[in-house]
Amino acid sequence: MSEENTERIYTVNLTKAWDTPKYRRTDRVINIIKEFTRRHMQTNKVKIDQDLNRHIWSRGKKNPPRKIRLRMIKEDDDTVVVSSFIEEKGSELSKESVEVEEPEVQTEKVEKEVEEPEVQTEKVEKEVKKKDKSK
């Protein structure tokens, strides 16, 4: 039986890495992810995505993340590709409501900008007339 691109999403707790010395923590996190993947996806062939690797190493060797959300995709040749999972926040309805609110705010700002120069020109004209009268 062949499983066609099985995909699973997990949150992995990485606090075991803090039991190791500081200078080995991020290396330990990589090993924890590989062990977790082998156990849950039942394969020995594990590949870690470049973006996930950069995310893990982004804070250096001594301070990796405490937990991470992973997407594991098992391909036809029993190779598992592990990448970071980024969930889109908010629903479509909330996006639509935000889009509706933004133009209203922008139009108010435009109207205020239009009104202010008129007021300024009136002030300038009054000042010019006062100067002309005083001469």
Protein backbone atom coordinates (compact mmCIF):
# COMPACT_ATOMS: atom_id res chain seq x y z
CA MET A 1 0.00 0.00 0.00
CA SER A 2 1.38 3.38 -0.93
CA GLU A 3 0.58 6.47 1.07
CA GLU A 4 0.51 9.50 -1.19
CA ASN A 5 2.03 12.53 0.52
CA THR A 6 0.66 12.09 4.03
CA GLU A 7 0.72 15.42 5.86
CA ARG A 8 0.54 15.97 9.61
CA ILE A 9 0.94 19.00 11.83
CA TYR A 10 2.46 18.76 15.31
CA THR A 11 3.58 21.07 18.08
CA VAL A 12 6.86 19.79 19.49
CA ASN A 13 8.02 20.65 22.99
CA LEU A 14 11.78 21.27 22.89
CA THR A 15 12.50 21.87 26.57
CA LYS A 16 14.58 18.67 26.78
CA ALA A 17 17.32 20.65 25.04
CA TRP A 18 17.82 22.70 28.21
CA ASP A 19 19.14 19.58 29.98
CA THR A 20 22.23 19.69 27.75
CA PRO A 21 25.06 22.24 28.05
CA LYS A 22 24.42 25.71 26.58
CA TYR A 23 26.82 25.28 23.69
CA ARG A 24 24.94 22.17 22.42
CA ARG A 25 21.30 23.26 22.79
CA THR A 26 20.43 24.00 19.17
CA ASP A 27 22.17 20.81 18.02
CA ARG A 28 20.02 18.92 20.53
CA VAL A 29 16.85 20.62 19.20
CA ILE A 30 17.62 19.35 15.68
CA ASN A 31 18.07 15.83 17.07
CA ILE A 32 14.81 16.07 19.08
CA ILE A 33 12.90 17.06 15.91
CA LYS A 34 14.43 14.16 13.95
CA GLU A 35 13.62 11.67 16.75
CA PHE A 36 10.06 12.97 17.02
CA THR A 37 9.59 12.68 13.25
CA ARG A 38 10.96 9.13 13.14
CA ARG A 39 8.64 8.06 15.95
CA HIS A 40 5.44 9.63 14.59
CA MET A 41 5.91 9.14 10.86
CA GLN A 42 7.53 5.68 11.17
CA THR A 43 10.49 6.20 8.85
CA ASN A 44 14.25 6.69 9.13
CA LYS A 45 14.59 9.15 6.24
CA VAL A 46 14.09 12.67 7.62
CA LYS A 47 14.88 15.95 5.87
CA ILE A 48 14.62 19.33 7.61
CA ASP A 49 13.53 22.29 5.48
CA GLN A 50 15.97 25.21 5.15
CA ASP A 51 13.47 27.74 6.50
CA LEU A 52 12.87 25.62 9.59
CA ASN A 53 16.62 25.22 10.10
CA ARG A 54 17.13 29.00 9.81
CA HIS A 55 14.29 29.62 12.26
CA ILE A 56 15.82 27.25 14.82
CA TRP A 57 19.29 28.75 14.45
CA SER A 58 18.07 32.38 14.27
CA ARG A 59 18.67 33.01 17.98
CA GLY A 60 22.06 31.30 18.03
CA LYS A 61 23.44 28.07 19.37
CA LYS A 62 22.65 28.74 23.05
CA ASN A 63 19.04 29.94 22.86
CA PRO A 64 16.80 27.85 20.55
CA PRO A 65 12.98 28.08 20.70
CA ARG A 66 11.19 26.24 23.56
CA LYS A 67 8.52 24.76 21.29
CA ILE A 68 7.80 24.81 17.61
CA ARG A 69 4.91 24.02 15.26
CA LEU A 70 5.88 21.58 12.49
CA ARG A 71 4.38 20.32 9.23
CA MET A 72 5.54 16.81 8.32
CA ILE A 73 4.96 15.55 4.78
CA LYS A 74 5.65 11.90 3.99
CA GLU A 75 6.47 11.35 0.35
CA ASP A 76 6.10 8.16 -1.73
CA ASP A 77 9.69 7.00 -1.11
CA ASP A 78 9.21 7.09 2.70
CA THR A 79 11.15 10.35 3.00
CA VAL A 80 9.67 12.82 5.46
CA VAL A 81 10.18 16.54 4.85
CA VAL A 82 9.82 18.61 8.02
CA SER A 83 9.01 22.32 7.67
CA SER A 84 7.66 25.02 9.95
CA PHE A 85 3.89 25.47 10.06
CA ILE A 86 2.57 29.01 9.89
CA GLU A 87 -1.17 29.29 10.36
CA GLU A 88 -3.00 32.21 8.80
CA LYS A 89 -4.64 34.13 11.62
CA GLY A 90 -8.17 35.50 11.36
CA SER A 91 -11.06 34.52 9.18
CA GLU A 92 -12.11 35.88 5.81
CA LEU A 93 -14.90 37.89 7.38
CA SER A 94 -12.55 39.77 9.66
CA LYS A 95 -10.27 40.57 6.69
CA GLU A 96 -13.23 42.02 4.79
CA SER A 97 -14.24 44.19 7.72
CA VAL A 98 -10.70 45.51 8.06
CA GLU A 99 -10.63 46.37 4.35
CA VAL A 100 -13.87 48.30 4.67
CA GLU A 101 -12.65 50.32 7.67
CA GLU A 102 -9.33 51.41 6.16
CA PRO A 103 -10.69 53.50 3.25
CA GLU A 104 -13.03 55.41 5.59
CA VAL A 105 -10.11 56.45 7.78
CA GLN A 106 -8.06 57.46 4.76
CA THR A 107 -10.85 59.61 3.29
CA GLU A 108 -11.23 61.49 6.56
CA LYS A 109 -7.53 62.29 6.59
CA VAL A 110 -7.71 63.50 2.99
CA GLU A 111 -10.66 65.77 3.79
CA LYS A 112 -8.80 67.26 6.76
CA GLU A 113 -5.73 67.89 4.62
CA VAL A 114 -7.88 69.69 2.05
CA GLU A 115 -9.51 71.89 4.69
CA GLU A 116 -6.29 72.92 6.42
CA PRO A 117 -4.63 74.65 3.41
CA GLU A 118 -7.76 76.79 2.90
CA VAL A 119 -7.58 77.95 6.50
CA GLN A 120 -3.89 78.67 6.14
CA THR A 121 -4.39 80.70 2.96
CA GLU A 122 -7.05 82.80 4.69
CA LYS A 123 -4.65 83.50 7.57
CA VAL A 124 -1.89 84.47 5.15
CA GLU A 125 -4.24 86.77 3.23
CA LYS A 126 -5.32 88.48 6.47
CA GLU A 127 -1.69 88.97 7.51
CA VAL A 128 -0.81 90.45 4.09
CA LYS A 129 -3.76 92.88 4.31
CA LYS A 130 -2.69 93.97 7.81
CA LYS A 131 0.85 94.64 6.58
CA ASP A 132 -0.44 96.62 3.60
CA LYS A 133 -2.66 98.74 5.88
CA SER A 134 0.16 99.45 8.31
CA LYS A 135 2.42 100.83 5.51
